[in-house]
Amino acid sequence: MPKLLETIKIKNGEVFNLPYHQKRFDKSRQNLFDIYNPINLSSLLDPPLEGLYRCRIIYDQAIESIEYIPYKAKQIQTLKIVSSDITYAHKFLNRDVFTALLAQNPDFDDIIIEKEGCITDTTISNLAFYDGEYWLTPKKPLLEGTMRAKLLDEGFLQTNDIKSSEISKYKKVALMNAMIGFKIINNPKIILETS
């Protein structure tokens, strides 16, 4: 039975983006375990009142553990585009496929995964590209992240198919996840895998 993971940003006691985490948590339990009785995450959280933390919830049908881990962002500057047929529709605890990709490419801070000819995500985040007018995010990400969902609902992002061969035409690139929010990477170095 697969274990799942929910990662929530906590800063000085404030819980960020909880409705989107609750929605994904509920959807995963419904899709994978056919469970429709909700567990209210808000009632279970007791975050530290000072500092920046990654709240890590491990669960399947029920919640296995909740822990609060001090957070320090990883600096991302160099990225390599790698083709893969990875499937990661739910936020699973087992991330061996991503760990393996990173281990195979130790000279890069992170990997951009290309699937069926289109850009999807990095190993830790959703992506967005700025064309001079709009911020576009891949139409088919590996994982529908909570920050991505929020920014789509707010109209800040639009979806589009993004080809690796077209990346150079975009003026800016940003990473998105629960912990870093929406982070524009200045002058990133993006390398396309050569076969």
N, C-alpha and C. Protein backbone atom coordinates (compact mmCIF):
# COMPACT_ATOMS: atom_id res chain seq x y z
N MET A 1 0.84 -1.19 0.00
CA MET A 1 0.00 0.00 0.00
C MET A 1 0.89 1.25 0.00
N PRO A 2 0.71 2.16 -0.95
CA PRO A 2 1.61 3.32 -1.03
C PRO A 2 1.37 4.33 0.08
N LYS A 3 2.46 4.84 0.60
CA LYS A 3 2.38 5.96 1.56
C LYS A 3 2.42 7.26 0.77
N LEU A 4 1.71 8.24 1.25
CA LEU A 4 1.70 9.55 0.62
C LEU A 4 2.26 10.60 1.56
N LEU A 5 2.55 11.74 0.97
CA LEU A 5 3.21 12.82 1.70
C LEU A 5 2.51 14.13 1.39
N GLU A 6 2.30 14.93 2.39
CA GLU A 6 1.85 16.31 2.18
C GLU A 6 2.85 17.21 2.89
N THR A 7 3.33 18.23 2.19
CA THR A 7 4.32 19.16 2.74
C THR A 7 3.69 20.54 2.81
N ILE A 8 3.63 21.11 3.99
CA ILE A 8 2.95 22.39 4.20
C ILE A 8 3.93 23.39 4.81
N LYS A 9 3.90 24.60 4.31
CA LYS A 9 4.77 25.66 4.83
C LYS A 9 4.18 26.25 6.11
N ILE A 10 5.04 26.35 7.12
CA ILE A 10 4.68 26.98 8.39
C ILE A 10 5.70 28.08 8.67
N LYS A 11 5.24 29.29 8.88
CA LYS A 11 6.16 30.39 9.22
C LYS A 11 5.60 31.15 10.41
N ASN A 12 6.37 31.15 11.50
CA ASN A 12 5.96 31.83 12.75
C ASN A 12 4.53 31.46 13.14
N GLY A 13 4.25 30.16 13.04
CA GLY A 13 2.94 29.65 13.46
C GLY A 13 1.86 29.72 12.41
N GLU A 14 2.10 30.44 11.31
CA GLU A 14 1.08 30.58 10.26
C GLU A 14 1.18 29.40 9.30
N VAL A 15 0.03 28.81 8.99
CA VAL A 15 -0.05 27.68 8.07
C VAL A 15 -0.44 28.23 6.69
N PHE A 16 0.37 27.93 5.67
CA PHE A 16 0.15 28.50 4.35
C PHE A 16 -0.64 27.56 3.44
N ASN A 17 -1.58 28.14 2.70
CA ASN A 17 -2.22 27.45 1.57
C ASN A 17 -2.97 26.18 2.00
N LEU A 18 -3.45 26.14 3.22
CA LEU A 18 -4.04 24.90 3.75
C LEU A 18 -5.23 24.37 2.95
N PRO A 19 -6.13 25.23 2.44
CA PRO A 19 -7.25 24.66 1.67
C PRO A 19 -6.80 23.83 0.47
N TYR A 20 -5.71 24.22 -0.17
CA TYR A 20 -5.22 23.47 -1.33
C TYR A 20 -4.56 22.15 -0.90
N HIS A 21 -3.88 22.16 0.24
CA HIS A 21 -3.32 20.90 0.76
C HIS A 21 -4.45 19.96 1.18
N GLN A 22 -5.49 20.51 1.82
CA GLN A 22 -6.62 19.69 2.24
C GLN A 22 -7.29 19.05 1.03
N LYS A 23 -7.45 19.83 -0.03
CA LYS A 23 -8.10 19.32 -1.25
C LYS A 23 -7.30 18.18 -1.86
N ARG A 24 -5.97 18.34 -1.94
CA ARG A 24 -5.14 17.28 -2.53
C ARG A 24 -5.12 16.04 -1.63
N PHE A 25 -5.04 16.25 -0.33
CA PHE A 25 -5.07 15.16 0.64
C PHE A 25 -6.36 14.35 0.48
N ASP A 26 -7.49 15.04 0.43
CA ASP A 26 -8.79 14.37 0.29
C ASP A 26 -8.87 13.62 -1.04
N LYS A 27 -8.42 14.27 -2.12
CA LYS A 27 -8.50 13.67 -3.45
C LYS A 27 -7.64 12.41 -3.54
N SER A 28 -6.45 12.44 -2.94
CA SER A 28 -5.58 11.26 -2.97
C SER A 28 -6.21 10.09 -2.22
N ARG A 29 -6.80 10.36 -1.06
CA ARG A 29 -7.43 9.29 -0.28
C ARG A 29 -8.64 8.71 -1.03
N GLN A 30 -9.37 9.57 -1.74
CA GLN A 30 -10.50 9.09 -2.53
C GLN A 30 -10.02 8.23 -3.71
N ASN A 31 -9.06 8.76 -4.46
CA ASN A 31 -8.61 8.08 -5.69
C ASN A 31 -7.89 6.77 -5.41
N LEU A 32 -7.07 6.75 -4.37
CA LEU A 32 -6.23 5.57 -4.12
C LEU A 32 -6.86 4.55 -3.17
N PHE A 33 -7.68 5.04 -2.24
CA PHE A 33 -8.20 4.13 -1.20
C PHE A 33 -9.73 4.10 -1.14
N ASP A 34 -10.37 4.88 -2.01
CA ASP A 34 -11.83 4.93 -2.04
C ASP A 34 -12.41 5.34 -0.69
N ILE A 35 -11.73 6.30 -0.05
CA ILE A 35 -12.15 6.80 1.26
C ILE A 35 -12.69 8.21 1.09
N TYR A 36 -13.92 8.42 1.58
CA TYR A 36 -14.58 9.71 1.38
C TYR A 36 -14.86 10.45 2.69
N ASN A 37 -14.52 9.84 3.83
CA ASN A 37 -14.72 10.57 5.08
C ASN A 37 -13.49 11.44 5.32
N PRO A 38 -13.67 12.76 5.30
CA PRO A 38 -12.51 13.65 5.39
C PRO A 38 -11.87 13.67 6.78
N ILE A 39 -10.57 13.92 6.78
CA ILE A 39 -9.84 14.20 8.02
C ILE A 39 -9.46 15.68 7.95
N ASN A 40 -9.89 16.44 8.92
CA ASN A 40 -9.64 17.88 8.93
C ASN A 40 -8.19 18.14 9.37
N LEU A 41 -7.33 18.49 8.42
CA LEU A 41 -5.92 18.71 8.74
C LEU A 41 -5.73 19.85 9.73
N SER A 42 -6.52 20.88 9.58
CA SER A 42 -6.39 22.06 10.45
C SER A 42 -6.48 21.70 11.93
N SER A 43 -7.36 20.76 12.24
CA SER A 43 -7.58 20.39 13.65
C SER A 43 -6.42 19.57 14.22
N LEU A 44 -5.53 19.06 13.34
CA LEU A 44 -4.43 18.20 13.79
C LEU A 44 -3.09 18.92 13.87
N LEU A 45 -3.01 20.11 13.30
CA LEU A 45 -1.73 20.82 13.25
C LEU A 45 -1.49 21.63 14.52
N ASP A 46 -0.29 21.54 15.02
CA ASP A 46 0.13 22.29 16.20
C ASP A 46 1.53 22.84 15.93
N PRO A 47 1.63 23.83 15.03
CA PRO A 47 2.95 24.24 14.54
C PRO A 47 3.73 25.09 15.54
N PRO A 48 5.06 25.06 15.42
CA PRO A 48 5.90 25.97 16.22
C PRO A 48 5.53 27.42 15.92
N LEU A 49 5.65 28.27 16.92
CA LEU A 49 5.23 29.66 16.77
C LEU A 49 6.32 30.57 16.24
N GLU A 50 7.55 30.08 16.19
CA GLU A 50 8.64 30.90 15.66
C GLU A 50 9.47 30.08 14.68
N GLY A 51 9.84 30.71 13.57
CA GLY A 51 10.71 30.07 12.60
C GLY A 51 9.97 29.54 11.39
N LEU A 52 10.76 29.08 10.40
CA LEU A 52 10.23 28.54 9.15
C LEU A 52 10.36 27.02 9.18
N TYR A 53 9.22 26.34 8.98
CA TYR A 53 9.20 24.88 9.07
C TYR A 53 8.49 24.26 7.88
N ARG A 54 8.91 23.04 7.59
CA ARG A 54 8.23 22.19 6.63
C ARG A 54 7.42 21.19 7.45
N CYS A 55 6.11 21.33 7.41
CA CYS A 55 5.24 20.36 8.08
C CYS A 55 5.09 19.16 7.15
N ARG A 56 5.49 18.00 7.63
CA ARG A 56 5.54 16.79 6.81
C ARG A 56 4.51 15.80 7.34
N ILE A 57 3.47 15.58 6.55
CA ILE A 57 2.39 14.65 6.92
C ILE A 57 2.52 13.39 6.07
N ILE A 58 2.69 12.25 6.72
CA ILE A 58 2.74 10.97 6.02
C ILE A 58 1.43 10.24 6.29
N TYR A 59 0.83 9.70 5.22
CA TYR A 59 -0.49 9.09 5.40
C TYR A 59 -0.75 8.04 4.32
N ASP A 60 -1.76 7.22 4.58
CA ASP A 60 -2.40 6.39 3.57
C ASP A 60 -3.90 6.53 3.83
N GLN A 61 -4.58 5.45 4.31
CA GLN A 61 -5.99 5.65 4.68
C GLN A 61 -6.10 6.58 5.88
N ALA A 62 -5.12 6.49 6.77
CA ALA A 62 -5.09 7.33 7.98
C ALA A 62 -3.76 8.07 8.01
N ILE A 63 -3.66 9.03 8.90
CA ILE A 63 -2.40 9.76 9.05
C ILE A 63 -1.45 8.94 9.91
N GLU A 64 -0.25 8.75 9.41
CA GLU A 64 0.76 7.98 10.13
C GLU A 64 1.59 8.88 11.04
N SER A 65 1.98 10.06 10.53
CA SER A 65 2.80 10.96 11.35
C SER A 65 2.71 12.39 10.84
N ILE A 66 2.94 13.33 11.77
CA ILE A 66 3.04 14.75 11.44
C ILE A 66 4.29 15.26 12.15
N GLU A 67 5.20 15.85 11.38
CA GLU A 67 6.40 16.41 12.01
C GLU A 67 6.70 17.78 11.41
N TYR A 68 7.45 18.56 12.19
CA TYR A 68 7.81 19.92 11.79
C TYR A 68 9.32 19.99 11.69
N ILE A 69 9.82 20.24 10.47
CA ILE A 69 11.25 20.20 10.21
C ILE A 69 11.73 21.59 9.82
N PRO A 70 12.73 22.14 10.52
CA PRO A 70 13.26 23.46 10.12
C PRO A 70 13.63 23.45 8.64
N TYR A 71 13.31 24.53 7.95
CA TYR A 71 13.46 24.55 6.50
C TYR A 71 14.50 25.55 6.04
N LYS A 72 15.34 25.10 5.11
CA LYS A 72 16.28 25.98 4.42
C LYS A 72 16.20 25.65 2.94
N ALA A 73 15.92 26.65 2.12
CA ALA A 73 15.70 26.42 0.69
C ALA A 73 16.98 25.98 0.00
N LYS A 74 16.84 25.05 -0.92
CA LYS A 74 17.94 24.62 -1.77
C LYS A 74 18.12 25.65 -2.88
N GLN A 75 19.35 26.03 -3.14
CA GLN A 75 19.61 27.00 -4.21
C GLN A 75 19.65 26.27 -5.56
N ILE A 76 18.82 26.72 -6.48
CA ILE A 76 18.74 26.10 -7.80
C ILE A 76 19.20 27.11 -8.85
N GLN A 77 20.23 26.74 -9.59
CA GLN A 77 20.73 27.61 -10.66
C GLN A 77 20.99 26.85 -11.96
N THR A 78 21.40 25.59 -11.82
CA THR A 78 21.68 24.78 -13.01
C THR A 78 20.68 23.63 -13.11
N LEU A 79 20.08 23.51 -14.29
CA LEU A 79 19.05 22.50 -14.51
C LEU A 79 19.33 21.75 -15.81
N LYS A 80 19.04 20.47 -15.80
CA LYS A 80 19.21 19.66 -17.00
C LYS A 80 17.86 19.06 -17.39
N ILE A 81 17.53 19.17 -18.67
CA ILE A 81 16.29 18.59 -19.17
C ILE A 81 16.54 17.13 -19.55
N VAL A 82 15.77 16.23 -18.94
CA VAL A 82 15.94 14.80 -19.15
C VAL A 82 14.60 14.19 -19.54
N SER A 83 14.59 13.39 -20.59
CA SER A 83 13.37 12.70 -21.00
C SER A 83 13.13 11.49 -20.10
N SER A 84 11.88 11.33 -19.68
CA SER A 84 11.54 10.21 -18.80
C SER A 84 10.04 9.92 -18.92
N ASP A 85 9.66 8.67 -18.64
CA ASP A 85 8.24 8.32 -18.65
C ASP A 85 7.70 8.18 -17.23
N ILE A 86 8.30 8.91 -16.29
CA ILE A 86 7.87 8.90 -14.89
C ILE A 86 6.38 9.23 -14.78
N THR A 87 5.71 8.51 -13.88
CA THR A 87 4.33 8.84 -13.51
C THR A 87 4.32 9.18 -12.02
N TYR A 88 3.77 10.34 -11.69
CA TYR A 88 3.76 10.78 -10.29
C TYR A 88 2.52 11.64 -10.04
N ALA A 89 1.35 11.05 -10.28
CA ALA A 89 0.10 11.80 -10.21
C ALA A 89 -0.31 12.16 -8.78
N HIS A 90 0.24 11.43 -7.81
CA HIS A 90 -0.02 11.73 -6.40
C HIS A 90 1.32 11.95 -5.72
N LYS A 91 1.30 12.70 -4.62
CA LYS A 91 2.55 13.03 -3.92
C LYS A 91 2.94 11.85 -3.02
N PHE A 92 3.62 10.90 -3.62
CA PHE A 92 4.00 9.69 -2.89
C PHE A 92 5.23 9.94 -2.02
N LEU A 93 5.30 9.23 -0.92
CA LEU A 93 6.47 9.30 -0.04
C LEU A 93 7.71 8.74 -0.75
N ASN A 94 7.52 7.68 -1.52
CA ASN A 94 8.63 7.07 -2.25
C ASN A 94 9.00 7.94 -3.46
N ARG A 95 10.20 8.50 -3.40
CA ARG A 95 10.68 9.39 -4.46
C ARG A 95 11.94 8.82 -5.12
N ASP A 96 12.06 7.51 -5.14
CA ASP A 96 13.27 6.86 -5.66
C ASP A 96 13.56 7.24 -7.12
N VAL A 97 12.51 7.42 -7.92
CA VAL A 97 12.74 7.76 -9.33
C VAL A 97 13.43 9.11 -9.47
N PHE A 98 13.06 10.05 -8.59
CA PHE A 98 13.67 11.38 -8.63
C PHE A 98 15.09 11.34 -8.08
N THR A 99 15.27 10.59 -7.01
CA THR A 99 16.60 10.44 -6.42
C THR A 99 17.57 9.85 -7.44
N ALA A 100 17.10 8.87 -8.21
CA ALA A 100 17.94 8.23 -9.22
C ALA A 100 18.32 9.22 -10.32
N LEU A 101 17.37 10.02 -10.77
CA LEU A 101 17.66 11.03 -11.81
C LEU A 101 18.71 12.03 -11.34
N LEU A 102 18.58 12.46 -10.09
CA LEU A 102 19.56 13.40 -9.54
C LEU A 102 20.93 12.76 -9.41
N ALA A 103 20.95 11.50 -8.98
CA ALA A 103 22.22 10.79 -8.81
C ALA A 103 22.93 10.59 -10.16
N GLN A 104 22.16 10.45 -11.22
CA GLN A 104 22.73 10.27 -12.56
C GLN A 104 23.25 11.58 -13.15
N ASN A 105 22.89 12.69 -12.53
CA ASN A 105 23.27 14.02 -13.03
C ASN A 105 23.79 14.90 -11.90
N PRO A 106 24.90 14.49 -11.28
CA PRO A 106 25.38 15.17 -10.06
C PRO A 106 25.88 16.59 -10.28
N ASP A 107 26.13 16.98 -11.52
CA ASP A 107 26.65 18.33 -11.78
C ASP A 107 25.56 19.38 -11.88
N PHE A 108 24.31 18.97 -11.67
CA PHE A 108 23.19 19.90 -11.79
C PHE A 108 22.44 20.00 -10.47
N ASP A 109 21.89 21.21 -10.22
CA ASP A 109 21.14 21.44 -8.98
C ASP A 109 19.81 20.69 -9.00
N ASP A 110 19.20 20.58 -10.18
CA ASP A 110 17.94 19.86 -10.30
C ASP A 110 17.74 19.42 -11.75
N ILE A 111 16.74 18.60 -11.96
CA ILE A 111 16.42 18.04 -13.26
C ILE A 111 15.04 18.53 -13.69
N ILE A 112 14.92 18.95 -14.95
CA ILE A 112 13.61 19.22 -15.56
C ILE A 112 13.22 17.97 -16.35
N ILE A 113 12.04 17.44 -16.06
CA ILE A 113 11.61 16.20 -16.68
C ILE A 113 10.74 16.49 -17.90
N GLU A 114 11.17 15.96 -19.03
CA GLU A 114 10.43 16.09 -20.28
C GLU A 114 9.71 14.77 -20.53
N LYS A 115 8.43 14.86 -20.83
CA LYS A 115 7.63 13.65 -21.04
C LYS A 115 6.77 13.84 -22.28
N GLU A 116 6.82 12.86 -23.18
CA GLU A 116 6.04 12.91 -24.42
C GLU A 116 6.28 14.22 -25.17
N GLY A 117 7.54 14.67 -25.16
CA GLY A 117 7.93 15.85 -25.91
C GLY A 117 7.67 17.19 -25.24
N CYS A 118 7.08 17.17 -24.05
CA CYS A 118 6.75 18.42 -23.36
C CYS A 118 7.41 18.49 -21.98
N ILE A 119 7.72 19.70 -21.57
CA ILE A 119 8.26 19.95 -20.22
C ILE A 119 7.17 19.67 -19.20
N THR A 120 7.54 19.06 -18.07
CA THR A 120 6.58 18.82 -16.98
C THR A 120 7.02 19.60 -15.74
N ASP A 121 7.81 18.97 -14.88
CA ASP A 121 8.23 19.55 -13.60
C ASP A 121 9.72 19.34 -13.39
N THR A 122 10.26 19.92 -12.31
CA THR A 122 11.56 19.51 -11.81
C THR A 122 11.30 18.39 -10.79
N THR A 123 12.34 17.89 -10.16
CA THR A 123 12.13 16.82 -9.17
C THR A 123 11.47 17.35 -7.90
N ILE A 124 11.50 18.69 -7.69
CA ILE A 124 10.94 19.24 -6.45
C ILE A 124 9.89 20.33 -6.66
N SER A 125 9.61 20.67 -7.92
CA SER A 125 8.72 21.82 -8.11
C SER A 125 8.01 21.78 -9.45
N ASN A 126 6.91 22.52 -9.51
CA ASN A 126 6.29 22.85 -10.78
C ASN A 126 7.09 23.99 -11.41
N LEU A 127 6.84 24.24 -12.68
CA LEU A 127 7.58 25.26 -13.43
C LEU A 127 6.63 26.28 -14.05
N ALA A 128 7.16 27.48 -14.29
CA ALA A 128 6.45 28.50 -15.04
C ALA A 128 7.46 29.26 -15.89
N PHE A 129 7.00 29.67 -17.06
CA PHE A 129 7.85 30.40 -18.01
C PHE A 129 7.14 31.68 -18.43
N TYR A 130 7.89 32.78 -18.49
CA TYR A 130 7.33 34.08 -18.83
C TYR A 130 7.67 34.43 -20.27
N ASP A 131 6.64 34.70 -21.07
CA ASP A 131 6.87 34.98 -22.50
C ASP A 131 6.91 36.47 -22.82
N GLY A 132 6.92 37.31 -21.79
CA GLY A 132 6.91 38.75 -21.99
C GLY A 132 5.54 39.35 -21.71
N GLU A 133 4.54 38.49 -21.69
CA GLU A 133 3.17 38.94 -21.41
C GLU A 133 2.49 38.09 -20.35
N TYR A 134 2.68 36.77 -20.44
CA TYR A 134 2.01 35.84 -19.54
C TYR A 134 3.01 34.89 -18.89
N TRP A 135 2.66 34.44 -17.68
CA TRP A 135 3.37 33.32 -17.05
C TRP A 135 2.63 32.05 -17.43
N LEU A 136 3.34 31.13 -18.08
CA LEU A 136 2.75 29.89 -18.56
C LEU A 136 3.32 28.71 -17.78
N THR A 137 2.46 27.79 -17.42
CA THR A 137 2.90 26.58 -16.72
C THR A 137 2.50 25.36 -17.55
N PRO A 138 3.32 24.31 -17.55
CA PRO A 138 2.99 23.14 -18.36
C PRO A 138 1.57 22.63 -18.13
N LYS A 139 0.90 22.33 -19.23
CA LYS A 139 -0.48 21.86 -19.19
C LYS A 139 -0.59 20.52 -18.47
N LYS A 140 0.44 19.67 -18.64
CA LYS A 140 0.42 18.34 -18.02
C LYS A 140 1.63 18.17 -17.10
N PRO A 141 1.55 18.69 -15.87
CA PRO A 141 2.66 18.48 -14.94
C PRO A 141 2.67 17.04 -14.45
N LEU A 142 3.77 16.63 -13.87
CA LEU A 142 3.79 15.30 -13.22
C LEU A 142 2.86 15.31 -12.02
N LEU A 143 2.92 16.40 -11.25
CA LEU A 143 2.12 16.53 -10.03
C LEU A 143 1.45 17.89 -10.03
N GLU A 144 0.17 17.92 -9.76
CA GLU A 144 -0.53 19.19 -9.68
C GLU A 144 -0.28 19.78 -8.29
N GLY A 145 0.71 20.66 -8.22
CA GLY A 145 1.13 21.23 -6.95
C GLY A 145 0.13 22.22 -6.38
N THR A 146 0.20 22.43 -5.08
CA THR A 146 -0.75 23.32 -4.41
C THR A 146 -0.51 24.78 -4.76
N MET A 147 0.74 25.22 -4.88
CA MET A 147 1.01 26.60 -5.25
C MET A 147 0.59 26.85 -6.70
N ARG A 148 0.87 25.89 -7.57
CA ARG A 148 0.43 25.99 -8.97
C ARG A 148 -1.09 26.12 -9.03
N ALA A 149 -1.81 25.30 -8.27
CA ALA A 149 -3.27 25.34 -8.26
C ALA A 149 -3.78 26.71 -7.80
N LYS A 150 -3.17 27.24 -6.76
CA LYS A 150 -3.58 28.55 -6.23
C LYS A 150 -3.37 29.65 -7.27
N LEU A 151 -2.20 29.65 -7.93
CA LEU A 151 -1.89 30.70 -8.89
C LEU A 151 -2.73 30.57 -10.17
N LEU A 152 -3.12 29.34 -10.52
CA LEU A 152 -4.05 29.16 -11.64
C LEU A 152 -5.43 29.71 -11.26
N ASP A 153 -5.90 29.40 -10.06
CA ASP A 153 -7.20 29.90 -9.61
C ASP A 153 -7.24 31.42 -9.56
N GLU A 154 -6.10 32.02 -9.20
CA GLU A 154 -6.03 33.48 -9.10
C GLU A 154 -5.85 34.16 -10.46
N GLY A 155 -5.64 33.36 -11.52
CA GLY A 155 -5.47 33.92 -12.85
C GLY A 155 -4.07 34.42 -13.15
N PHE A 156 -3.14 34.17 -12.23
CA PHE A 156 -1.75 34.61 -12.45
C PHE A 156 -1.05 33.73 -13.49
N LEU A 157 -1.40 32.45 -13.51
CA LEU A 157 -0.81 31.50 -14.45
C LEU A 157 -1.81 31.07 -15.50
N GLN A 158 -1.29 30.72 -16.67
CA GLN A 158 -2.06 30.06 -17.70
C GLN A 158 -1.33 28.77 -18.08
N THR A 159 -2.07 27.79 -18.58
CA THR A 159 -1.44 26.53 -18.97
C THR A 159 -1.14 26.51 -20.46
N ASN A 160 -0.09 25.80 -20.81
CA ASN A 160 0.30 25.67 -22.20
C ASN A 160 1.25 24.47 -22.33
N ASP A 161 1.30 23.87 -23.51
CA ASP A 161 2.33 22.88 -23.78
C ASP A 161 3.64 23.63 -24.02
N ILE A 162 4.70 23.22 -23.35
CA ILE A 162 5.99 23.89 -23.47
C ILE A 162 7.02 22.86 -23.93
N LYS A 163 7.58 23.07 -25.09
CA LYS A 163 8.58 22.16 -25.65
C LYS A 163 9.97 22.58 -25.18
N SER A 164 10.83 21.59 -24.96
CA SER A 164 12.19 21.91 -24.52
C SER A 164 12.92 22.76 -25.55
N SER A 165 12.61 22.56 -26.84
CA SER A 165 13.28 23.32 -27.91
C SER A 165 12.87 24.79 -27.92
N GLU A 166 11.78 25.11 -27.19
CA GLU A 166 11.27 26.48 -27.18
C GLU A 166 11.67 27.27 -25.94
N ILE A 167 12.37 26.64 -25.01
CA ILE A 167 12.63 27.29 -23.73
C ILE A 167 13.41 28.60 -23.89
N SER A 168 14.31 28.64 -24.85
CA SER A 168 15.15 29.83 -25.02
C SER A 168 14.36 31.08 -25.38
N LYS A 169 13.13 30.90 -25.87
CA LYS A 169 12.33 32.08 -26.25
C LYS A 169 11.68 32.76 -25.03
N TYR A 170 11.67 32.05 -23.91
CA TYR A 170 11.05 32.64 -22.72
C TYR A 170 12.03 33.56 -21.99
N LYS A 171 11.50 34.63 -21.43
CA LYS A 171 12.34 35.66 -20.82
C LYS A 171 12.71 35.32 -19.37
N LYS A 172 11.84 34.56 -18.69
CA LYS A 172 12.09 34.22 -17.29
C LYS A 172 11.57 32.80 -17.02
N VAL A 173 12.14 32.18 -15.99
CA VAL A 173 11.66 30.88 -15.53
C VAL A 173 11.48 30.95 -14.02
N ALA A 174 10.46 30.26 -13.52
CA ALA A 174 10.21 30.25 -12.08
C ALA A 174 9.91 28.83 -11.61
N LEU A 175 10.29 28.55 -10.37
CA LEU A 175 9.97 27.29 -9.72
C LEU A 175 8.85 27.55 -8.73
N MET A 176 7.98 26.58 -8.54
CA MET A 176 6.87 26.71 -7.59
C MET A 176 6.73 25.45 -6.77
N ASN A 177 6.65 25.62 -5.47
CA ASN A 177 6.19 24.55 -4.60
C ASN A 177 5.69 25.16 -3.30
N ALA A 178 5.21 24.31 -2.41
CA ALA A 178 4.60 24.80 -1.18
C ALA A 178 5.57 25.62 -0.34
N MET A 179 6.84 25.22 -0.34
CA MET A 179 7.81 25.87 0.55
C MET A 179 8.41 27.15 -0.04
N ILE A 180 8.73 27.14 -1.32
CA ILE A 180 9.38 28.33 -1.90
C ILE A 180 8.39 29.30 -2.51
N GLY A 181 7.12 28.91 -2.60
CA GLY A 181 6.14 29.77 -3.23
C GLY A 181 6.40 29.84 -4.73
N PHE A 182 6.49 31.07 -5.25
CA PHE A 182 6.77 31.29 -6.66
C PHE A 182 8.12 32.00 -6.73
N LYS A 183 9.15 31.28 -7.16
CA LYS A 183 10.52 31.80 -7.11
C LYS A 183 11.11 31.92 -8.51
N ILE A 184 11.34 33.16 -8.93
CA ILE A 184 11.96 33.40 -10.23
C ILE A 184 13.45 33.11 -10.11
N ILE A 185 13.97 32.33 -11.06
CA ILE A 185 15.40 32.00 -11.09
C ILE A 185 16.10 32.96 -12.05
N ASN A 186 17.00 33.76 -11.52
CA ASN A 186 17.71 34.72 -12.35
C ASN A 186 18.85 34.04 -13.09
N ASN A 187 18.88 34.24 -14.40
CA ASN A 187 19.94 33.70 -15.26
C ASN A 187 20.20 32.21 -15.03
N PRO A 188 19.17 31.39 -15.10
CA PRO A 188 19.39 29.95 -14.90
C PRO A 188 20.18 29.36 -16.06
N LYS A 189 20.91 28.32 -15.76
CA LYS A 189 21.61 27.57 -16.81
C LYS A 189 20.81 26.29 -17.04
N ILE A 190 20.18 26.20 -18.22
CA ILE A 190 19.34 25.04 -18.54
C ILE A 190 19.98 24.30 -19.71
N ILE A 191 20.32 23.04 -19.45
CA ILE A 191 21.00 22.20 -20.45
C ILE A 191 20.04 21.12 -20.94
N LEU A 192 19.99 20.94 -22.25
CA LEU A 192 19.16 19.88 -22.83
C LEU A 192 19.98 18.60 -22.94
N GLU A 193 19.39 17.51 -22.45
CA GLU A 193 20.08 16.21 -22.53
C GLU A 193 20.32 15.85 -23.99
N THR A 194 21.52 15.39 -24.28
CA THR A 194 21.82 14.93 -25.64
C THR A 194 21.90 13.41 -25.64
N SER A 195 21.30 12.81 -26.63
CA SER A 195 21.28 11.34 -26.67
C SER A 195 22.51 10.80 -27.38
